[in-house]
Amino acid sequence: MYIVLHPFYKAVTLELERYNVETWPEKNEFIEGCYPISWHEILNLVGLDNISQIDVALRTMIGGIKQQYENITWEKLVLDLYKQSEIINPCDNGHISPFLENPLLDAIKKLGYEFLLTVDEHGINQPKKIHIRVC
């Protein structure tokens, strides 16, 4: 099993108002307009001990963790990072980070695969076969 840690983001040229569902930038515009920040860098910035604490903080923010496991203190540390440094949290919409998409697809192609089957998280829709394109 692999766990992908989607990076946090720091805007360079993109307006922070663009980081919402209605005006989300295209992949290449996103890559050119900001840079990724690793979870380990976030640990140093907020003073947490391990990436599990970041995971709990992020899931606390979106209500994606049982209440008994929530940690409001860690959540506040990560939220304050945005307020102080305008560092944006990883996307929580199920999409692959723009910074990870091309390297991930390239690695899959190097393994000899030309197509992927995509399905929704509930298994309701029929799988879709898509050709792997790195762009």
N, C-alpha and C. Protein backbone atom coordinates (compact mmCIF):
# COMPACT_ATOMS: atom_id res chain seq x y z
N MET A 1 0.84 -1.16 0.00
CA MET A 1 0.00 0.00 0.00
C MET A 1 0.90 1.23 0.00
N TYR A 2 0.44 2.24 -0.71
CA TYR A 2 1.15 3.52 -0.75
C TYR A 2 0.24 4.61 -0.19
N ILE A 3 0.81 5.51 0.54
CA ILE A 3 0.08 6.66 1.05
C ILE A 3 0.69 7.89 0.41
N VAL A 4 -0.14 8.67 -0.23
CA VAL A 4 0.32 9.89 -0.89
C VAL A 4 -0.01 11.08 0.00
N LEU A 5 1.00 11.84 0.34
CA LEU A 5 0.80 13.05 1.13
C LEU A 5 0.76 14.24 0.18
N HIS A 6 -0.43 14.70 -0.10
CA HIS A 6 -0.58 15.85 -0.98
C HIS A 6 0.04 17.07 -0.31
N PRO A 7 0.84 17.82 -1.05
CA PRO A 7 1.54 18.95 -0.43
C PRO A 7 0.61 20.11 -0.06
N PHE A 8 1.10 20.93 0.83
CA PHE A 8 0.50 22.23 1.09
C PHE A 8 1.00 23.15 -0.02
N TYR A 9 0.44 24.36 -0.13
CA TYR A 9 0.81 25.26 -1.22
C TYR A 9 1.06 26.67 -0.70
N LYS A 10 1.98 27.34 -1.36
CA LYS A 10 2.23 28.76 -1.10
C LYS A 10 2.10 29.49 -2.43
N ALA A 11 1.18 30.44 -2.49
CA ALA A 11 0.97 31.19 -3.73
C ALA A 11 2.12 32.15 -3.97
N VAL A 12 2.53 32.24 -5.23
CA VAL A 12 3.56 33.18 -5.64
C VAL A 12 2.91 34.27 -6.49
N THR A 13 2.24 33.85 -7.56
CA THR A 13 1.61 34.83 -8.45
C THR A 13 0.09 34.70 -8.50
N LEU A 14 -0.45 33.59 -8.05
CA LEU A 14 -1.91 33.41 -8.08
C LEU A 14 -2.57 34.11 -6.91
N GLU A 15 -3.72 34.68 -7.16
CA GLU A 15 -4.50 35.33 -6.11
C GLU A 15 -5.11 34.26 -5.20
N LEU A 16 -5.10 34.49 -3.90
CA LEU A 16 -5.67 33.52 -2.96
C LEU A 16 -7.15 33.29 -3.21
N GLU A 17 -7.85 34.28 -3.76
CA GLU A 17 -9.28 34.13 -4.04
C GLU A 17 -9.54 33.05 -5.08
N ARG A 18 -8.53 32.68 -5.86
CA ARG A 18 -8.69 31.64 -6.89
C ARG A 18 -8.79 30.25 -6.30
N TYR A 19 -8.45 30.09 -5.04
CA TYR A 19 -8.44 28.77 -4.42
C TYR A 19 -9.81 28.42 -3.86
N ASN A 20 -10.78 28.30 -4.76
CA ASN A 20 -12.10 27.81 -4.39
C ASN A 20 -12.67 27.05 -5.57
N VAL A 21 -13.73 26.33 -5.34
CA VAL A 21 -14.28 25.42 -6.34
C VAL A 21 -14.64 26.14 -7.64
N GLU A 22 -15.21 27.33 -7.56
CA GLU A 22 -15.68 28.03 -8.75
C GLU A 22 -14.55 28.56 -9.64
N THR A 23 -13.44 28.96 -9.04
CA THR A 23 -12.37 29.61 -9.82
C THR A 23 -11.04 28.87 -9.73
N TRP A 24 -11.08 27.60 -9.39
CA TRP A 24 -9.84 26.83 -9.23
C TRP A 24 -9.02 26.88 -10.50
N PRO A 25 -7.73 27.20 -10.40
CA PRO A 25 -6.89 27.32 -11.60
C PRO A 25 -6.65 25.96 -12.28
N GLU A 26 -6.35 26.01 -13.56
CA GLU A 26 -5.97 24.81 -14.29
C GLU A 26 -4.62 24.31 -13.76
N LYS A 27 -4.32 23.04 -14.04
CA LYS A 27 -3.12 22.41 -13.48
C LYS A 27 -1.84 23.21 -13.74
N ASN A 28 -1.57 23.54 -14.99
CA ASN A 28 -0.32 24.23 -15.31
C ASN A 28 -0.27 25.64 -14.73
N GLU A 29 -1.41 26.32 -14.70
CA GLU A 29 -1.48 27.64 -14.09
C GLU A 29 -1.19 27.54 -12.59
N PHE A 30 -1.70 26.49 -11.98
CA PHE A 30 -1.48 26.25 -10.56
C PHE A 30 0.00 26.00 -10.28
N ILE A 31 0.61 25.13 -11.09
CA ILE A 31 2.02 24.79 -10.91
C ILE A 31 2.91 26.02 -11.09
N GLU A 32 2.58 26.87 -12.07
CA GLU A 32 3.37 28.07 -12.32
C GLU A 32 3.12 29.17 -11.29
N GLY A 33 1.95 29.15 -10.63
CA GLY A 33 1.56 30.24 -9.75
C GLY A 33 1.81 30.01 -8.28
N CYS A 34 2.26 28.83 -7.91
CA CYS A 34 2.57 28.58 -6.51
C CYS A 34 3.59 27.46 -6.41
N TYR A 35 4.03 27.16 -5.20
CA TYR A 35 4.98 26.08 -5.03
C TYR A 35 4.53 25.18 -3.89
N PRO A 36 4.92 23.90 -3.97
CA PRO A 36 4.49 22.94 -2.94
C PRO A 36 5.33 23.06 -1.67
N ILE A 37 4.70 22.74 -0.56
CA ILE A 37 5.38 22.70 0.73
C ILE A 37 5.11 21.33 1.34
N SER A 38 6.17 20.61 1.67
CA SER A 38 6.02 19.24 2.18
C SER A 38 5.45 19.23 3.60
N TRP A 39 4.93 18.08 3.97
CA TRP A 39 4.39 17.91 5.32
C TRP A 39 5.50 18.08 6.36
N HIS A 40 6.71 17.67 6.02
CA HIS A 40 7.82 17.81 6.97
C HIS A 40 8.17 19.28 7.19
N GLU A 41 8.06 20.08 6.15
CA GLU A 41 8.27 21.52 6.32
C GLU A 41 7.18 22.11 7.21
N ILE A 42 5.96 21.63 7.05
CA ILE A 42 4.84 22.10 7.89
C ILE A 42 5.10 21.74 9.35
N LEU A 43 5.63 20.54 9.59
CA LEU A 43 5.98 20.15 10.97
C LEU A 43 6.88 21.20 11.60
N ASN A 44 7.90 21.60 10.88
CA ASN A 44 8.84 22.60 11.40
C ASN A 44 8.17 23.95 11.63
N LEU A 45 7.27 24.33 10.74
CA LEU A 45 6.63 25.64 10.84
C LEU A 45 5.63 25.74 11.99
N VAL A 46 4.92 24.63 12.27
CA VAL A 46 3.88 24.70 13.31
C VAL A 46 4.30 24.06 14.63
N GLY A 47 5.41 23.32 14.63
CA GLY A 47 5.90 22.74 15.87
C GLY A 47 5.24 21.43 16.28
N LEU A 48 4.65 20.72 15.32
CA LEU A 48 4.12 19.39 15.63
C LEU A 48 5.24 18.37 15.54
N ASP A 49 4.98 17.18 16.10
CA ASP A 49 6.03 16.16 16.20
C ASP A 49 6.08 15.19 15.03
N ASN A 50 4.93 14.91 14.41
CA ASN A 50 4.91 13.91 13.33
C ASN A 50 3.76 14.18 12.37
N ILE A 51 3.83 13.53 11.21
CA ILE A 51 2.83 13.78 10.18
C ILE A 51 1.45 13.25 10.57
N SER A 52 1.39 12.31 11.48
CA SER A 52 0.08 11.84 11.96
C SER A 52 -0.70 12.98 12.60
N GLN A 53 0.00 13.87 13.27
CA GLN A 53 -0.67 15.01 13.90
C GLN A 53 -1.22 15.97 12.84
N ILE A 54 -0.50 16.14 11.74
CA ILE A 54 -1.02 16.97 10.64
C ILE A 54 -2.27 16.31 10.07
N ASP A 55 -2.21 15.00 9.88
CA ASP A 55 -3.36 14.27 9.36
C ASP A 55 -4.59 14.48 10.24
N VAL A 56 -4.41 14.35 11.54
CA VAL A 56 -5.52 14.55 12.48
C VAL A 56 -6.02 15.99 12.41
N ALA A 57 -5.11 16.95 12.33
CA ALA A 57 -5.51 18.36 12.23
C ALA A 57 -6.36 18.61 10.98
N LEU A 58 -5.91 18.10 9.84
CA LEU A 58 -6.63 18.30 8.59
C LEU A 58 -7.99 17.61 8.62
N ARG A 59 -8.04 16.39 9.13
CA ARG A 59 -9.32 15.68 9.20
C ARG A 59 -10.26 16.30 10.22
N THR A 60 -9.71 16.90 11.28
CA THR A 60 -10.54 17.63 12.24
C THR A 60 -11.21 18.81 11.53
N MET A 61 -10.45 19.50 10.68
CA MET A 61 -10.99 20.67 9.95
C MET A 61 -12.20 20.33 9.10
N ILE A 62 -12.15 19.17 8.44
CA ILE A 62 -13.22 18.84 7.49
C ILE A 62 -14.26 17.90 8.09
N GLY A 63 -14.14 17.59 9.38
CA GLY A 63 -15.09 16.67 10.01
C GLY A 63 -14.93 15.25 9.51
N GLY A 64 -13.71 14.89 9.13
CA GLY A 64 -13.45 13.56 8.57
C GLY A 64 -12.86 12.60 9.58
N ILE A 65 -13.08 12.83 10.85
CA ILE A 65 -12.53 11.98 11.89
C ILE A 65 -13.55 11.92 13.03
N LYS A 66 -13.63 10.78 13.69
CA LYS A 66 -14.57 10.67 14.82
C LYS A 66 -14.23 11.73 15.86
N GLN A 67 -15.28 12.27 16.46
CA GLN A 67 -15.12 13.38 17.40
C GLN A 67 -14.14 13.04 18.53
N GLN A 68 -14.12 11.81 18.96
CA GLN A 68 -13.24 11.43 20.07
C GLN A 68 -11.76 11.52 19.69
N TYR A 69 -11.46 11.53 18.38
CA TYR A 69 -10.07 11.60 17.93
C TYR A 69 -9.68 12.99 17.42
N GLU A 70 -10.64 13.90 17.34
CA GLU A 70 -10.33 15.26 16.90
C GLU A 70 -9.31 15.92 17.82
N ASN A 71 -8.55 16.85 17.24
CA ASN A 71 -7.62 17.61 18.06
C ASN A 71 -7.69 19.07 17.61
N ILE A 72 -8.43 19.85 18.37
CA ILE A 72 -8.65 21.26 18.05
C ILE A 72 -7.36 22.07 18.14
N THR A 73 -6.47 21.69 19.05
CA THR A 73 -5.19 22.40 19.21
C THR A 73 -4.35 22.28 17.95
N TRP A 74 -4.23 21.06 17.43
CA TRP A 74 -3.45 20.84 16.21
C TRP A 74 -4.13 21.52 15.02
N GLU A 75 -5.46 21.44 14.98
CA GLU A 75 -6.21 22.09 13.91
C GLU A 75 -5.91 23.59 13.90
N LYS A 76 -5.91 24.21 15.07
CA LYS A 76 -5.66 25.65 15.18
C LYS A 76 -4.25 26.00 14.71
N LEU A 77 -3.27 25.16 15.02
CA LEU A 77 -1.90 25.42 14.57
C LEU A 77 -1.83 25.49 13.05
N VAL A 78 -2.50 24.55 12.39
CA VAL A 78 -2.47 24.51 10.93
C VAL A 78 -3.30 25.66 10.35
N LEU A 79 -4.44 25.96 10.94
CA LEU A 79 -5.25 27.09 10.49
C LEU A 79 -4.50 28.41 10.64
N ASP A 80 -3.80 28.57 11.75
CA ASP A 80 -3.03 29.79 11.98
C ASP A 80 -1.91 29.95 10.96
N LEU A 81 -1.39 28.84 10.47
CA LEU A 81 -0.34 28.90 9.45
C LEU A 81 -0.87 29.61 8.21
N TYR A 82 -2.11 29.33 7.84
CA TYR A 82 -2.71 30.02 6.69
C TYR A 82 -2.85 31.51 6.99
N LYS A 83 -3.35 31.82 8.16
CA LYS A 83 -3.57 33.23 8.52
C LYS A 83 -2.26 34.01 8.56
N GLN A 84 -1.20 33.37 9.04
CA GLN A 84 0.08 34.06 9.20
C GLN A 84 0.92 34.08 7.92
N SER A 85 0.92 32.96 7.20
CA SER A 85 1.83 32.81 6.06
C SER A 85 1.14 32.57 4.73
N GLU A 86 -0.19 32.51 4.75
CA GLU A 86 -0.98 32.23 3.55
C GLU A 86 -0.56 30.92 2.89
N ILE A 87 -0.26 29.93 3.72
CA ILE A 87 0.03 28.59 3.22
C ILE A 87 -1.29 27.84 3.17
N ILE A 88 -1.60 27.31 2.00
CA ILE A 88 -2.89 26.68 1.74
C ILE A 88 -2.80 25.19 2.01
N ASN A 89 -3.85 24.65 2.63
CA ASN A 89 -3.92 23.22 2.94
C ASN A 89 -4.01 22.39 1.66
N PRO A 90 -3.63 21.12 1.73
CA PRO A 90 -3.83 20.22 0.59
C PRO A 90 -5.31 20.16 0.24
N CYS A 91 -5.59 19.89 -1.02
CA CYS A 91 -6.98 19.76 -1.46
C CYS A 91 -7.64 18.58 -0.75
N ASP A 92 -8.91 18.77 -0.39
CA ASP A 92 -9.63 17.68 0.26
C ASP A 92 -10.80 17.20 -0.61
N ASN A 93 -10.70 17.47 -1.93
CA ASN A 93 -11.79 17.11 -2.83
C ASN A 93 -11.58 15.79 -3.55
N GLY A 94 -10.53 15.05 -3.19
CA GLY A 94 -10.28 13.76 -3.81
C GLY A 94 -9.46 13.82 -5.09
N HIS A 95 -9.11 15.00 -5.55
CA HIS A 95 -8.32 15.13 -6.76
C HIS A 95 -6.83 15.02 -6.42
N ILE A 96 -6.07 14.56 -7.39
CA ILE A 96 -4.62 14.45 -7.21
C ILE A 96 -4.02 15.85 -7.29
N SER A 97 -3.07 16.12 -6.43
CA SER A 97 -2.39 17.42 -6.43
C SER A 97 -1.79 17.69 -7.81
N PRO A 98 -1.91 18.91 -8.31
CA PRO A 98 -1.28 19.25 -9.59
C PRO A 98 0.22 18.95 -9.61
N PHE A 99 0.87 19.05 -8.45
CA PHE A 99 2.31 18.79 -8.38
C PHE A 99 2.64 17.30 -8.40
N LEU A 100 1.66 16.45 -8.12
CA LEU A 100 1.90 15.01 -8.08
C LEU A 100 1.38 14.29 -9.31
N GLU A 101 0.45 14.92 -10.03
CA GLU A 101 -0.22 14.25 -11.14
C GLU A 101 0.76 13.75 -12.20
N ASN A 102 1.57 14.64 -12.77
CA ASN A 102 2.49 14.22 -13.83
C ASN A 102 3.51 13.19 -13.36
N PRO A 103 4.18 13.37 -12.21
CA PRO A 103 5.12 12.34 -11.76
C PRO A 103 4.45 10.99 -11.51
N LEU A 104 3.23 11.00 -10.98
CA LEU A 104 2.51 9.75 -10.73
C LEU A 104 2.16 9.06 -12.04
N LEU A 105 1.61 9.80 -12.98
CA LEU A 105 1.26 9.21 -14.27
C LEU A 105 2.50 8.74 -15.02
N ASP A 106 3.58 9.49 -14.94
CA ASP A 106 4.83 9.10 -15.59
C ASP A 106 5.36 7.79 -14.99
N ALA A 107 5.29 7.65 -13.68
CA ALA A 107 5.75 6.42 -13.03
C ALA A 107 4.90 5.23 -13.47
N ILE A 108 3.60 5.43 -13.59
CA ILE A 108 2.72 4.34 -14.03
C ILE A 108 3.04 3.96 -15.46
N LYS A 109 3.30 4.95 -16.32
CA LYS A 109 3.67 4.66 -17.71
C LYS A 109 4.99 3.89 -17.78
N LYS A 110 5.94 4.26 -16.93
CA LYS A 110 7.24 3.57 -16.93
C LYS A 110 7.11 2.11 -16.49
N LEU A 111 6.05 1.80 -15.78
CA LEU A 111 5.78 0.41 -15.40
C LEU A 111 5.16 -0.37 -16.56
N GLY A 112 4.88 0.32 -17.67
CA GLY A 112 4.36 -0.33 -18.86
C GLY A 112 2.86 -0.20 -19.07
N TYR A 113 2.19 0.56 -18.26
CA TYR A 113 0.75 0.72 -18.40
C TYR A 113 0.44 1.90 -19.31
N GLU A 114 -0.60 1.74 -20.14
CA GLU A 114 -1.02 2.81 -21.03
C GLU A 114 -2.38 3.37 -20.66
N PHE A 115 -3.14 2.61 -19.85
CA PHE A 115 -4.49 3.03 -19.49
C PHE A 115 -4.72 2.87 -18.00
N LEU A 116 -5.66 3.64 -17.48
CA LEU A 116 -6.12 3.52 -16.10
C LEU A 116 -7.62 3.29 -16.11
N LEU A 117 -8.10 2.58 -15.11
CA LEU A 117 -9.54 2.49 -14.88
C LEU A 117 -9.86 3.39 -13.71
N THR A 118 -10.80 4.29 -13.90
CA THR A 118 -11.19 5.18 -12.81
C THR A 118 -12.61 4.86 -12.39
N VAL A 119 -12.84 4.90 -11.09
CA VAL A 119 -14.18 4.67 -10.54
C VAL A 119 -14.42 5.70 -9.44
N ASP A 120 -15.69 5.94 -9.15
CA ASP A 120 -15.99 6.84 -8.04
C ASP A 120 -15.82 6.07 -6.73
N GLU A 121 -15.72 6.81 -5.63
CA GLU A 121 -15.41 6.20 -4.34
C GLU A 121 -16.51 5.28 -3.83
N HIS A 122 -17.71 5.37 -4.40
CA HIS A 122 -18.82 4.54 -3.93
C HIS A 122 -19.04 3.31 -4.81
N GLY A 123 -18.37 3.23 -5.95
CA GLY A 123 -18.53 2.10 -6.85
C GLY A 123 -19.87 2.09 -7.56
N ILE A 124 -20.52 3.24 -7.64
CA ILE A 124 -21.84 3.32 -8.27
C ILE A 124 -21.72 3.39 -9.78
N ASN A 125 -20.83 4.22 -10.27
CA ASN A 125 -20.68 4.40 -11.72
C ASN A 125 -19.79 3.32 -12.31
N GLN A 126 -19.98 3.08 -13.59
CA GLN A 126 -19.15 2.13 -14.31
C GLN A 126 -17.72 2.66 -14.40
N PRO A 127 -16.72 1.78 -14.30
CA PRO A 127 -15.33 2.23 -14.45
C PRO A 127 -15.13 2.86 -15.84
N LYS A 128 -14.27 3.87 -15.89
CA LYS A 128 -13.93 4.51 -17.15
C LYS A 128 -12.48 4.20 -17.47
N LYS A 129 -12.23 3.80 -18.70
CA LYS A 129 -10.87 3.53 -19.15
C LYS A 129 -10.33 4.81 -19.77
N ILE A 130 -9.22 5.30 -19.22
CA ILE A 130 -8.62 6.52 -19.76
C ILE A 130 -7.17 6.27 -20.15
N HIS A 131 -6.77 6.87 -21.25
CA HIS A 131 -5.39 6.78 -21.72
C HIS A 131 -4.51 7.68 -20.84
N ILE A 132 -3.36 7.19 -20.43
CA ILE A 132 -2.46 7.97 -19.59
C ILE A 132 -1.72 8.98 -20.45
N ARG A 133 -1.92 10.26 -20.11
CA ARG A 133 -1.22 11.36 -20.79
C ARG A 133 -0.54 12.21 -19.75
N VAL A 134 0.75 12.42 -19.92
CA VAL A 134 1.50 13.31 -19.03
C VAL A 134 1.62 14.65 -19.75
N CYS A 135 1.08 15.70 -19.13
CA CYS A 135 1.15 17.02 -19.79
C CYS A 135 1.43 18.10 -18.78
